[in-house]
């Protein structure tokens, strides 16, 4: 998934269909989520063009929780934190991603 596709997925997650000035806000949240994953030790090879479902879900959950703060914030940020816990528990994210072999 390219970073543009990730942005499009994030916009879909927050039910934002039009392109406008608020796209920059969604992009900022995507970038913040990726930075937070890097902060906990996820190697950049997992983040540069994310394909892993947990990485993608972490980003989308973060965006959903923080895009338009609502009464559901605690639940939504809890989802993000749960996904972070799963990522922290999987050692593969803390070493460089291996290229898939074509075998």
PDB file of N, CA and C in Angstrom:
ATOM      1  N   UNK A   1       0.860  -1.169   0.000  1.00  0.00           N
ATOM      2  CA  UNK A   1       0.000   0.000   0.000  1.00  0.00           C
ATOM      3  C   UNK A   1       0.901   1.225   0.000  1.00  0.00           C
ATOM      4  N   UNK A   2       0.693   2.087  -0.958  1.00  0.00           N
ATOM      5  CA  UNK A   2       1.471   3.319  -1.011  1.00  0.00           C
ATOM      6  C   UNK A   2       0.961   4.278   0.067  1.00  0.00           C
ATOM      7  N   UNK A   3       1.729   5.318   0.309  1.00  0.00           N
ATOM      8  CA  UNK A   3       1.289   6.320   1.297  1.00  0.00           C
ATOM      9  C   UNK A   3       0.026   7.036   0.806  1.00  0.00           C
ATOM     10  N   UNK A   4      -0.116   7.211  -0.499  1.00  0.00           N
ATOM     11  CA  UNK A   4      -1.334   7.813  -1.046  1.00  0.00           C
ATOM     12  C   UNK A   4      -2.528   6.895  -0.809  1.00  0.00           C
ATOM     13  N   UNK A   5      -2.347   5.596  -1.011  1.00  0.00           N
ATOM     14  CA  UNK A   5      -3.428   4.633  -0.755  1.00  0.00           C
ATOM     15  C   UNK A   5      -3.774   4.599   0.731  1.00  0.00           C
ATOM     16  N   UNK A   6      -2.763   4.732   1.584  1.00  0.00           N
ATOM     17  CA  UNK A   6      -3.006   4.767   3.022  1.00  0.00           C
ATOM     18  C   UNK A   6      -3.812   6.016   3.396  1.00  0.00           C
ATOM     19  N   UNK A   7      -3.478   7.147   2.795  1.00  0.00           N
ATOM     20  CA  UNK A   7      -4.249   8.365   3.024  1.00  0.00           C
ATOM     21  C   UNK A   7      -5.693   8.175   2.554  1.00  0.00           C
ATOM     22  N   UNK A   8      -5.882   7.577   1.389  1.00  0.00           N
ATOM     23  CA  UNK A   8      -7.238   7.328   0.887  1.00  0.00           C
ATOM     24  C   UNK A   8      -8.015   6.411   1.825  1.00  0.00           C
ATOM     25  N   UNK A   9      -7.351   5.384   2.353  1.00  0.00           N
ATOM     26  CA  UNK A   9      -8.005   4.479   3.303  1.00  0.00           C
ATOM     27  C   UNK A   9      -8.364   5.205   4.592  1.00  0.00           C
ATOM     28  N   UNK A  10      -7.488   6.105   5.027  1.00  0.00           N
ATOM     29  CA  UNK A  10      -7.758   6.873   6.243  1.00  0.00           C
ATOM     30  C   UNK A  10      -8.946   7.811   6.029  1.00  0.00           C
ATOM     31  N   UNK A  11      -9.013   8.437   4.870  1.00  0.00           N
ATOM     32  CA  UNK A  11     -10.154   9.302   4.564  1.00  0.00           C
ATOM     33  C   UNK A  11     -11.448   8.490   4.553  1.00  0.00           C
ATOM     34  N   UNK A  12     -11.398   7.304   3.997  1.00  0.00           N
ATOM     35  CA  UNK A  12     -12.573   6.434   3.994  1.00  0.00           C
ATOM     36  C   UNK A  12     -12.970   6.054   5.419  1.00  0.00           C
ATOM     37  N   UNK A  13     -11.985   5.760   6.270  1.00  0.00           N
ATOM     38  CA  UNK A  13     -12.252   5.361   7.651  1.00  0.00           C
ATOM     39  C   UNK A  13     -12.996   6.461   8.409  1.00  0.00           C
ATOM     40  N   UNK A  14     -12.683   7.722   8.106  1.00  0.00           N
ATOM     41  CA  UNK A  14     -13.361   8.828   8.799  1.00  0.00           C
ATOM     42  C   UNK A  14     -14.560   9.339   7.994  1.00  0.00           C
ATOM     43  N   UNK A  15     -14.926   8.582   6.967  1.00  0.00           N
ATOM     44  CA  UNK A  15     -16.095   8.900   6.140  1.00  0.00           C
ATOM     45  C   UNK A  15     -15.971  10.257   5.455  1.00  0.00           C
ATOM     46  N   UNK A  16     -14.760  10.543   4.987  1.00  0.00           N
ATOM     47  CA  UNK A  16     -14.488  11.802   4.291  1.00  0.00           C
ATOM     48  C   UNK A  16     -14.291  11.472   2.825  1.00  0.00           C
ATOM     49  N   UNK A  17     -15.254  11.857   1.991  1.00  0.00           N
ATOM     50  CA  UNK A  17     -15.180  11.493   0.584  1.00  0.00           C
ATOM     51  C   UNK A  17     -14.673  12.615  -0.312  1.00  0.00           C
ATOM     52  N   UNK A  18     -14.883  13.841   0.077  1.00  0.00           N
ATOM     53  CA  UNK A  18     -14.445  14.967  -0.743  1.00  0.00           C
ATOM     54  C   UNK A  18     -12.987  15.297  -0.461  1.00  0.00           C
ATOM     55  N   UNK A  19     -12.306  15.766  -1.491  1.00  0.00           N
ATOM     56  CA  UNK A  19     -10.942  16.256  -1.311  1.00  0.00           C
ATOM     57  C   UNK A  19     -11.017  17.753  -1.060  1.00  0.00           C
ATOM     58  N   UNK A  20     -10.408  18.188   0.035  1.00  0.00           N
ATOM     59  CA  UNK A  20     -10.427  19.599   0.378  1.00  0.00           C
ATOM     60  C   UNK A  20      -9.274  19.893   1.325  1.00  0.00           C
ATOM     61  N   UNK A  21      -9.302  21.050   1.928  1.00  0.00           N
ATOM     62  CA  UNK A  21      -8.239  21.460   2.835  1.00  0.00           C
ATOM     63  C   UNK A  21      -8.073  20.564   4.041  1.00  0.00           C
ATOM     64  N   UNK A  22      -9.108  19.811   4.390  1.00  0.00           N
ATOM     65  CA  UNK A  22      -9.018  18.920   5.546  1.00  0.00           C
ATOM     66  C   UNK A  22      -8.196  17.661   5.262  1.00  0.00           C
ATOM     67  N   UNK A  23      -7.883  17.424   3.993  1.00  0.00           N
ATOM     68  CA  UNK A  23      -7.011  16.297   3.665  1.00  0.00           C
ATOM     69  C   UNK A  23      -5.670  16.425   4.377  1.00  0.00           C
ATOM     70  N   UNK A  24      -5.198  17.665   4.526  1.00  0.00           N
ATOM     71  CA  UNK A  24      -3.925  17.879   5.222  1.00  0.00           C
ATOM     72  C   UNK A  24      -4.006  17.436   6.672  1.00  0.00           C
ATOM     73  N   UNK A  25      -5.170  17.606   7.298  1.00  0.00           N
ATOM     74  CA  UNK A  25      -5.352  17.171   8.676  1.00  0.00           C
ATOM     75  C   UNK A  25      -5.300  15.649   8.762  1.00  0.00           C
ATOM     76  N   UNK A  26      -5.954  14.973   7.827  1.00  0.00           N
ATOM     77  CA  UNK A  26      -5.921  13.505   7.798  1.00  0.00           C
ATOM     78  C   UNK A  26      -4.493  13.041   7.554  1.00  0.00           C
ATOM     79  N   UNK A  27      -3.779  13.682   6.624  1.00  0.00           N
ATOM     80  CA  UNK A  27      -2.387  13.312   6.343  1.00  0.00           C
ATOM     81  C   UNK A  27      -1.514  13.489   7.579  1.00  0.00           C
ATOM     82  N   UNK A  28      -1.728  14.573   8.311  1.00  0.00           N
ATOM     83  CA  UNK A  28      -0.958  14.813   9.541  1.00  0.00           C
ATOM     84  C   UNK A  28      -1.187  13.681  10.536  1.00  0.00           C
ATOM     85  N   UNK A  29      -2.432  13.212  10.645  1.00  0.00           N
ATOM     86  CA  UNK A  29      -2.729  12.114  11.574  1.00  0.00           C
ATOM     87  C   UNK A  29      -2.102  10.803  11.108  1.00  0.00           C
ATOM     88  N   UNK A  30      -2.113  10.550   9.814  1.00  0.00           N
ATOM     89  CA  UNK A  30      -1.438   9.357   9.273  1.00  0.00           C
ATOM     90  C   UNK A  30       0.049   9.422   9.622  1.00  0.00           C
ATOM     91  N   UNK A  31       0.661  10.565   9.383  1.00  0.00           N
ATOM     92  CA  UNK A  31       2.089  10.736   9.679  1.00  0.00           C
ATOM     93  C   UNK A  31       2.375  10.582  11.171  1.00  0.00           C
ATOM     94  N   UNK A  32       1.481  11.097  12.003  1.00  0.00           N
ATOM     95  CA  UNK A  32       1.651  10.971  13.454  1.00  0.00           C
ATOM     96  C   UNK A  32       1.582   9.509  13.882  1.00  0.00           C
ATOM     97  N   UNK A  33       0.635   8.774  13.326  1.00  0.00           N
ATOM     98  CA  UNK A  33       0.514   7.344  13.657  1.00  0.00           C
ATOM     99  C   UNK A  33       1.765   6.589  13.230  1.00  0.00           C
ATOM    100  N   UNK A  34       2.268   6.865  12.033  1.00  0.00           N
ATOM    101  CA  UNK A  34       3.487   6.195  11.571  1.00  0.00           C
ATOM    102  C   UNK A  34       4.673   6.557  12.463  1.00  0.00           C
ATOM    103  N   UNK A  35       4.755   7.810  12.891  1.00  0.00           N
ATOM    104  CA  UNK A  35       5.818   8.231  13.806  1.00  0.00           C
ATOM    105  C   UNK A  35       5.692   7.543  15.155  1.00  0.00           C
ATOM    106  N   UNK A  36       4.465   7.355  15.618  1.00  0.00           N
ATOM    107  CA  UNK A  36       4.262   6.673  16.891  1.00  0.00           C
ATOM    108  C   UNK A  36       4.689   5.214  16.793  1.00  0.00           C
ATOM    109  N   UNK A  37       4.406   4.572  15.669  1.00  0.00           N
ATOM    110  CA  UNK A  37       4.853   3.193  15.474  1.00  0.00           C
ATOM    111  C   UNK A  37       6.372   3.120  15.451  1.00  0.00           C
ATOM    112  N   UNK A  38       6.999   4.087  14.798  1.00  0.00           N
ATOM    113  CA  UNK A  38       8.459   4.139  14.791  1.00  0.00           C
ATOM    114  C   UNK A  38       9.002   4.376  16.203  1.00  0.00           C
ATOM    115  N   UNK A  39       8.298   5.214  16.978  1.00  0.00           N
ATOM    116  CA  UNK A  39       8.704   5.516  18.349  1.00  0.00           C
ATOM    117  C   UNK A  39       8.764   4.256  19.210  1.00  0.00           C
ATOM    118  N   UNK A  40       7.834   3.320  18.990  1.00  0.00           N
ATOM    119  CA  UNK A  40       7.839   2.099  19.807  1.00  0.00           C
ATOM    120  C   UNK A  40       8.802   1.050  19.276  1.00  0.00           C
ATOM    121  N   UNK A  41       9.489   1.359  18.163  1.00  0.00           N
ATOM    122  CA  UNK A  41      10.531   0.468  17.676  1.00  0.00           C
ATOM    123  C   UNK A  41      10.237  -0.257  16.382  1.00  0.00           C
ATOM    124  N   UNK A  42       9.101  -0.011  15.758  1.00  0.00           N
ATOM    125  CA  UNK A  42       8.803  -0.650  14.476  1.00  0.00           C
ATOM    126  C   UNK A  42       9.779  -0.107  13.437  1.00  0.00           C
ATOM    127  N   UNK A  43      10.438  -1.001  12.737  1.00  0.00           N
ATOM    128  CA  UNK A  43      11.432  -0.606  11.736  1.00  0.00           C
ATOM    129  C   UNK A  43      10.762   0.080  10.549  1.00  0.00           C
ATOM    130  N   UNK A  44      11.480   1.015   9.970  1.00  0.00           N
ATOM    131  CA  UNK A  44      10.929   1.826   8.878  1.00  0.00           C
ATOM    132  C   UNK A  44      10.530   0.998   7.667  1.00  0.00           C
ATOM    133  N   UNK A  45      11.157  -0.158   7.462  1.00  0.00           N
ATOM    134  CA  UNK A  45      10.792  -0.990   6.310  1.00  0.00           C
ATOM    135  C   UNK A  45       9.346  -1.481   6.409  1.00  0.00           C
ATOM    136  N   UNK A  46       8.810  -1.564   7.617  1.00  0.00           N
ATOM    137  CA  UNK A  46       7.408  -1.950   7.817  1.00  0.00           C
ATOM    138  C   UNK A  46       6.473  -0.764   7.568  1.00  0.00           C
ATOM    139  N   UNK A  47       7.000   0.446   7.606  1.00  0.00           N
ATOM    140  CA  UNK A  47       6.173   1.650   7.570  1.00  0.00           C
ATOM    141  C   UNK A  47       6.211   2.401   6.242  1.00  0.00           C
ATOM    142  N   UNK A  48       7.239   2.198   5.450  1.00  0.00           N
ATOM    143  CA  UNK A  48       7.408   2.994   4.234  1.00  0.00           C
ATOM    144  C   UNK A  48       6.325   2.742   3.190  1.00  0.00           C
ATOM    145  N   UNK A  49       5.879   1.526   3.065  1.00  0.00           N
ATOM    146  CA  UNK A  49       4.775   1.167   2.158  1.00  0.00           C
ATOM    147  C   UNK A  49       4.018   0.026   2.836  1.00  0.00           C
ATOM    148  N   UNK A  50       3.246   0.354   3.874  1.00  0.00           N
ATOM    149  CA  UNK A  50       2.653  -0.689   4.721  1.00  0.00           C
ATOM    150  C   UNK A  50       1.731  -1.641   3.978  1.00  0.00           C
ATOM    151  N   UNK A  51       1.958  -2.924   4.181  1.00  0.00           N
ATOM    152  CA  UNK A  51       1.095  -3.978   3.653  1.00  0.00           C
ATOM    153  C   UNK A  51       0.544  -4.843   4.788  1.00  0.00           C
ATOM    154  N   UNK A  52       1.220  -4.814   5.919  1.00  0.00           N
ATOM    155  CA  UNK A  52       0.825  -5.655   7.043  1.00  0.00           C
ATOM    156  C   UNK A  52      -0.495  -5.165   7.645  1.00  0.00           C
ATOM    157  N   UNK A  53      -1.459  -6.059   7.828  1.00  0.00           N
ATOM    158  CA  UNK A  53      -2.776  -5.644   8.335  1.00  0.00           C
ATOM    159  C   UNK A  53      -2.739  -4.955   9.698  1.00  0.00           C
ATOM    160  N   UNK A  54      -1.869  -5.387  10.602  1.00  0.00           N
ATOM    161  CA  UNK A  54      -1.806  -4.730  11.915  1.00  0.00           C
ATOM    162  C   UNK A  54      -1.247  -3.315  11.817  1.00  0.00           C
ATOM    163  N   UNK A  55      -0.267  -3.116  10.969  1.00  0.00           N
ATOM    164  CA  UNK A  55       0.289  -1.777  10.777  1.00  0.00           C
ATOM    165  C   UNK A  55      -0.777  -0.858  10.184  1.00  0.00           C
ATOM    166  N   UNK A  56      -1.448  -1.331   9.157  1.00  0.00           N
ATOM    167  CA  UNK A  56      -2.495  -0.532   8.517  1.00  0.00           C
ATOM    168  C   UNK A  56      -3.609  -0.222   9.504  1.00  0.00           C
ATOM    169  N   UNK A  57      -4.045  -1.227  10.261  1.00  0.00           N
ATOM    170  CA  UNK A  57      -5.127  -1.009  11.227  1.00  0.00           C
ATOM    171  C   UNK A  57      -4.705  -0.038  12.318  1.00  0.00           C
ATOM    172  N   UNK A  58      -3.454  -0.093  12.732  1.00  0.00           N
ATOM    173  CA  UNK A  58      -2.978   0.858  13.745  1.00  0.00           C
ATOM    174  C   UNK A  58      -3.113   2.287  13.221  1.00  0.00           C
ATOM    175  N   UNK A  59      -2.684   2.516  11.998  1.00  0.00           N
ATOM    176  CA  UNK A  59      -2.762   3.862  11.419  1.00  0.00           C
ATOM    177  C   UNK A  59      -4.220   4.299  11.294  1.00  0.00           C
ATOM    178  N   UNK A  60      -5.055   3.436  10.742  1.00  0.00           N
ATOM    179  CA  UNK A  60      -6.455   3.809  10.529  1.00  0.00           C
ATOM    180  C   UNK A  60      -7.188   4.026  11.850  1.00  0.00           C
ATOM    181  N   UNK A  61      -6.882   3.223  12.848  1.00  0.00           N
ATOM    182  CA  UNK A  61      -7.509   3.395  14.164  1.00  0.00           C
ATOM    183  C   UNK A  61      -7.096   4.710  14.808  1.00  0.00           C
ATOM    184  N   UNK A  62      -5.818   5.041  14.673  1.00  0.00           N
ATOM    185  CA  UNK A  62      -5.329   6.308  15.218  1.00  0.00           C
ATOM    186  C   UNK A  62      -6.035   7.485  14.553  1.00  0.00           C
ATOM    187  N   UNK A  63      -6.142   7.435  13.234  1.00  0.00           N
ATOM    188  CA  UNK A  63      -6.809   8.513  12.502  1.00  0.00           C
ATOM    189  C   UNK A  63      -8.265   8.634  12.936  1.00  0.00           C
ATOM    190  N   UNK A  64      -8.959   7.509  13.015  1.00  0.00           N
ATOM    191  CA  UNK A  64     -10.375   7.522  13.403  1.00  0.00           C
ATOM    192  C   UNK A  64     -10.547   8.115  14.799  1.00  0.00           C
ATOM    193  N   UNK A  65      -9.687   7.753  15.719  1.00  0.00           N
ATOM    194  CA  UNK A  65      -9.803   8.240  17.096  1.00  0.00           C
ATOM    195  C   UNK A  65      -9.542   9.732  17.203  1.00  0.00           C
ATOM    196  N   UNK A  66      -8.645  10.250  16.378  1.00  0.00           N
ATOM    197  CA  UNK A  66      -8.182  11.624  16.548  1.00  0.00           C
ATOM    198  C   UNK A  66      -8.686  12.621  15.521  1.00  0.00           C
ATOM    199  N   UNK A  67      -9.355  12.170  14.478  1.00  0.00           N
ATOM    200  CA  UNK A  67      -9.786  13.090  13.428  1.00  0.00           C
ATOM    201  C   UNK A  67     -10.851  14.061  13.912  1.00  0.00           C
ATOM    202  N   UNK A  68     -11.838  13.545  14.528  1.00  0.00           N
ATOM    203  CA  UNK A  68     -12.931  14.390  15.010  1.00  0.00           C
ATOM    204  C   UNK A  68     -13.290  13.889  16.400  1.00  0.00           C
ATOM    205  N   UNK A  69     -12.634  14.448  17.388  1.00  0.00           N
ATOM    206  CA  UNK A  69     -12.813  13.992  18.760  1.00  0.00           C
ATOM    207  C   UNK A  69     -14.302  13.989  19.104  1.00  0.00           C
ATOM    208  N   UNK A  70     -14.754  12.838  19.615  1.00  0.00           N
ATOM    209  CA  UNK A  70     -16.166  12.691  19.943  1.00  0.00           C
ATOM    210  C   UNK A  70     -16.298  11.966  21.277  1.00  0.00           C
ATOM    211  N   UNK A  71     -17.527  11.679  21.629  1.00  0.00           N
ATOM    212  CA  UNK A  71     -17.787  10.929  22.856  1.00  0.00           C
ATOM    213  C   UNK A  71     -17.207   9.520  22.793  1.00  0.00           C
ATOM    214  N   UNK A  72     -16.918   9.034  21.591  1.00  0.00           N
ATOM    215  CA  UNK A  72     -16.365   7.692  21.410  1.00  0.00           C
ATOM    216  C   UNK A  72     -14.839   7.665  21.475  1.00  0.00           C
ATOM    217  N   UNK A  73     -14.212   8.781  21.799  1.00  0.00           N
ATOM    218  CA  UNK A  73     -12.757   8.862  21.773  1.00  0.00           C
ATOM    219  C   UNK A  73     -12.103   7.768  22.612  1.00  0.00           C
ATOM    220  N   UNK A  74     -12.559   7.573  23.823  1.00  0.00           N
ATOM    221  CA  UNK A  74     -11.931   6.574  24.708  1.00  0.00           C
ATOM    222  C   UNK A  74     -11.990   5.178  24.101  1.00  0.00           C
ATOM    223  N   UNK A  75     -13.118   4.825  23.505  1.00  0.00           N
ATOM    224  CA  UNK A  75     -13.257   3.514  22.865  1.00  0.00           C
ATOM    225  C   UNK A  75     -12.337   3.415  21.660  1.00  0.00           C
ATOM    226  N   UNK A  76     -12.326   4.455  20.842  1.00  0.00           N
ATOM    227  CA  UNK A  76     -11.523   4.427  19.612  1.00  0.00           C
ATOM    228  C   UNK A  76     -10.029   4.420  19.906  1.00  0.00           C
ATOM    229  N   UNK A  77      -9.587   5.201  20.878  1.00  0.00           N
ATOM    230  CA  UNK A  77      -8.161   5.194  21.203  1.00  0.00           C
ATOM    231  C   UNK A  77      -7.798   3.874  21.883  1.00  0.00           C
ATOM    232  N   UNK A  78      -8.767   3.253  22.549  1.00  0.00           N
ATOM    233  CA  UNK A  78      -8.551   1.922  23.117  1.00  0.00           C
ATOM    234  C   UNK A  78      -8.292   0.885  22.031  1.00  0.00           C
ATOM    235  N   UNK A  79      -8.979   1.006  20.908  1.00  0.00           N
ATOM    236  CA  UNK A  79      -8.740   0.112  19.775  1.00  0.00           C
ATOM    237  C   UNK A  79      -7.315   0.304  19.269  1.00  0.00           C
ATOM    238  N   UNK A  80      -6.906   1.549  19.124  1.00  0.00           N
ATOM    239  CA  UNK A  80      -5.534   1.834  18.683  1.00  0.00           C
ATOM    240  C   UNK A  80      -4.521   1.225  19.658  1.00  0.00           C
ATOM    241  N   UNK A  81      -4.725   1.446  20.932  1.00  0.00           N
ATOM    242  CA  UNK A  81      -3.798   0.916  21.936  1.00  0.00           C
ATOM    243  C   UNK A  81      -3.768  -0.609  21.943  1.00  0.00           C
ATOM    244  N   UNK A  82      -4.910  -1.249  21.675  1.00  0.00           N
ATOM    245  CA  UNK A  82      -4.955  -2.715  21.600  1.00  0.00           C
ATOM    246  C   UNK A  82      -4.116  -3.208  20.417  1.00  0.00           C
ATOM    247  N   UNK A  83      -4.225  -2.523  19.282  1.00  0.00           N
ATOM    248  CA  UNK A  83      -3.434  -2.910  18.115  1.00  0.00           C
ATOM    249  C   UNK A  83      -1.950  -2.681  18.397  1.00  0.00           C
ATOM    250  N   UNK A  84      -1.607  -1.576  19.066  1.00  0.00           N
ATOM    251  CA  UNK A  84      -0.206  -1.342  19.441  1.00  0.00           C
ATOM    252  C   UNK A  84       0.321  -2.467  20.324  1.00  0.00           C
ATOM    253  N   UNK A  85      -0.495  -2.925  21.253  1.00  0.00           N
ATOM    254  CA  UNK A  85      -0.087  -4.030  22.128  1.00  0.00           C
ATOM    255  C   UNK A  85       0.211  -5.282  21.302  1.00  0.00           C
ATOM    256  N   UNK A  86      -0.618  -5.553  20.312  1.00  0.00           N
ATOM    257  CA  UNK A  86      -0.374  -6.716  19.446  1.00  0.00           C
ATOM    258  C   UNK A  86       0.923  -6.550  18.662  1.00  0.00           C
ATOM    259  N   UNK A  87       1.167  -5.346  18.177  1.00  0.00           N
ATOM    260  CA  UNK A  87       2.401  -5.095  17.431  1.00  0.00           C
ATOM    261  C   UNK A  87       3.609  -5.251  18.351  1.00  0.00           C
ATOM    262  N   UNK A  88       3.521  -4.707  19.559  1.00  0.00           N
ATOM    263  CA  UNK A  88       4.629  -4.816  20.520  1.00  0.00           C
ATOM    264  C   UNK A  88       4.921  -6.271  20.867  1.00  0.00           C
ATOM    265  N   UNK A  89       3.915  -7.117  20.818  1.00  0.00           N
ATOM    266  CA  UNK A  89       4.086  -8.526  21.160  1.00  0.00           C
ATOM    267  C   UNK A  89       4.637  -9.379  20.037  1.00  0.00           C
ATOM    268  N   UNK A  90       4.796  -8.815  18.861  1.00  0.00           N
ATOM    269  CA  UNK A  90       5.304  -9.568  17.714  1.00  0.00           C
ATOM    270  C   UNK A  90       6.695  -9.044  17.355  1.00  0.00           C
ATOM    271  N   UNK A  91       7.700  -9.826  17.621  1.00  0.00           N
ATOM    272  CA  UNK A  91       9.084  -9.378  17.437  1.00  0.00           C
ATOM    273  C   UNK A  91       9.432  -9.070  15.988  1.00  0.00           C
ATOM    274  N   UNK A  92       8.666  -9.589  15.037  1.00  0.00           N
ATOM    275  CA  UNK A  92       9.025  -9.379  13.631  1.00  0.00           C
ATOM    276  C   UNK A  92       9.065  -7.893  13.253  1.00  0.00           C
ATOM    277  N   UNK A  93       8.274  -7.069  13.903  1.00  0.00           N
ATOM    278  CA  UNK A  93       8.204  -5.649  13.554  1.00  0.00           C
ATOM    279  C   UNK A  93       9.443  -4.871  13.993  1.00  0.00           C
ATOM    280  N   UNK A  94      10.266  -5.475  14.835  1.00  0.00           N
ATOM    281  CA  UNK A  94      11.425  -4.787  15.394  1.00  0.00           C
ATOM    282  C   UNK A  94      12.731  -5.165  14.697  1.00  0.00           C
ATOM    283  N   UNK A  95      12.591  -5.890  13.597  1.00  0.00           N
ATOM    284  CA  UNK A  95      13.714  -6.134  12.702  1.00  0.00           C
ATOM    285  C   UNK A  95      13.231  -5.800  11.297  1.00  0.00           C
ATOM    286  N   UNK A  96      14.170  -5.590  10.400  1.00  0.00           N
ATOM    287  CA  UNK A  96      13.789  -5.187   9.054  1.00  0.00           C
ATOM    288  C   UNK A  96      12.896  -6.243   8.409  1.00  0.00           C
ATOM    289  N   UNK A  97      11.923  -5.773   7.653  1.00  0.00           N
ATOM    290  CA  UNK A  97      10.994  -6.661   6.966  1.00  0.00           C
ATOM    291  C   UNK A  97      11.750  -7.437   5.898  1.00  0.00           C
ATOM    292  N   UNK A  98      11.492  -8.717   5.848  1.00  0.00           N
ATOM    293  CA  UNK A  98      12.122  -9.576   4.831  1.00  0.00           C
ATOM    294  C   UNK A  98      11.303  -9.528   3.564  1.00  0.00           C
ATOM    295  N   UNK A  99      11.993  -9.471   2.433  1.00  0.00           N
ATOM    296  CA  UNK A  99      11.311  -9.493   1.145  1.00  0.00           C
ATOM    297  C   UNK A  99      10.696 -10.871   0.956  1.00  0.00           C
ATOM    298  N   UNK A 100       9.476 -10.888   0.432  1.00  0.00           N
ATOM    299  CA  UNK A 100       8.811 -12.172   0.150  1.00  0.00           C
ATOM    300  C   UNK A 100       9.509 -12.832  -1.018  1.00  0.00           C
ATOM    301  N   UNK A 101       9.754 -14.111  -0.885  1.00  0.00           N
ATOM    302  CA  UNK A 101      10.392 -14.836  -1.985  1.00  0.00           C
ATOM    303  C   UNK A 101       9.327 -15.285  -2.961  1.00  0.00           C
ATOM    304  N   UNK A 102       9.691 -15.380  -4.214  1.00  0.00           N
ATOM    305  CA  UNK A 102       8.754 -15.756  -5.259  1.00  0.00           C
ATOM    306  C   UNK A 102       8.629 -17.254  -5.452  1.00  0.00           C
ATOM    307  N   UNK A 103       9.015 -18.033  -4.453  1.00  0.00           N
ATOM    308  CA  UNK A 103       8.981 -19.501  -4.586  1.00  0.00           C
ATOM    309  C   UNK A 103       7.580 -20.040  -4.607  1.00  0.00           C
TER     310      UNK A 103
END
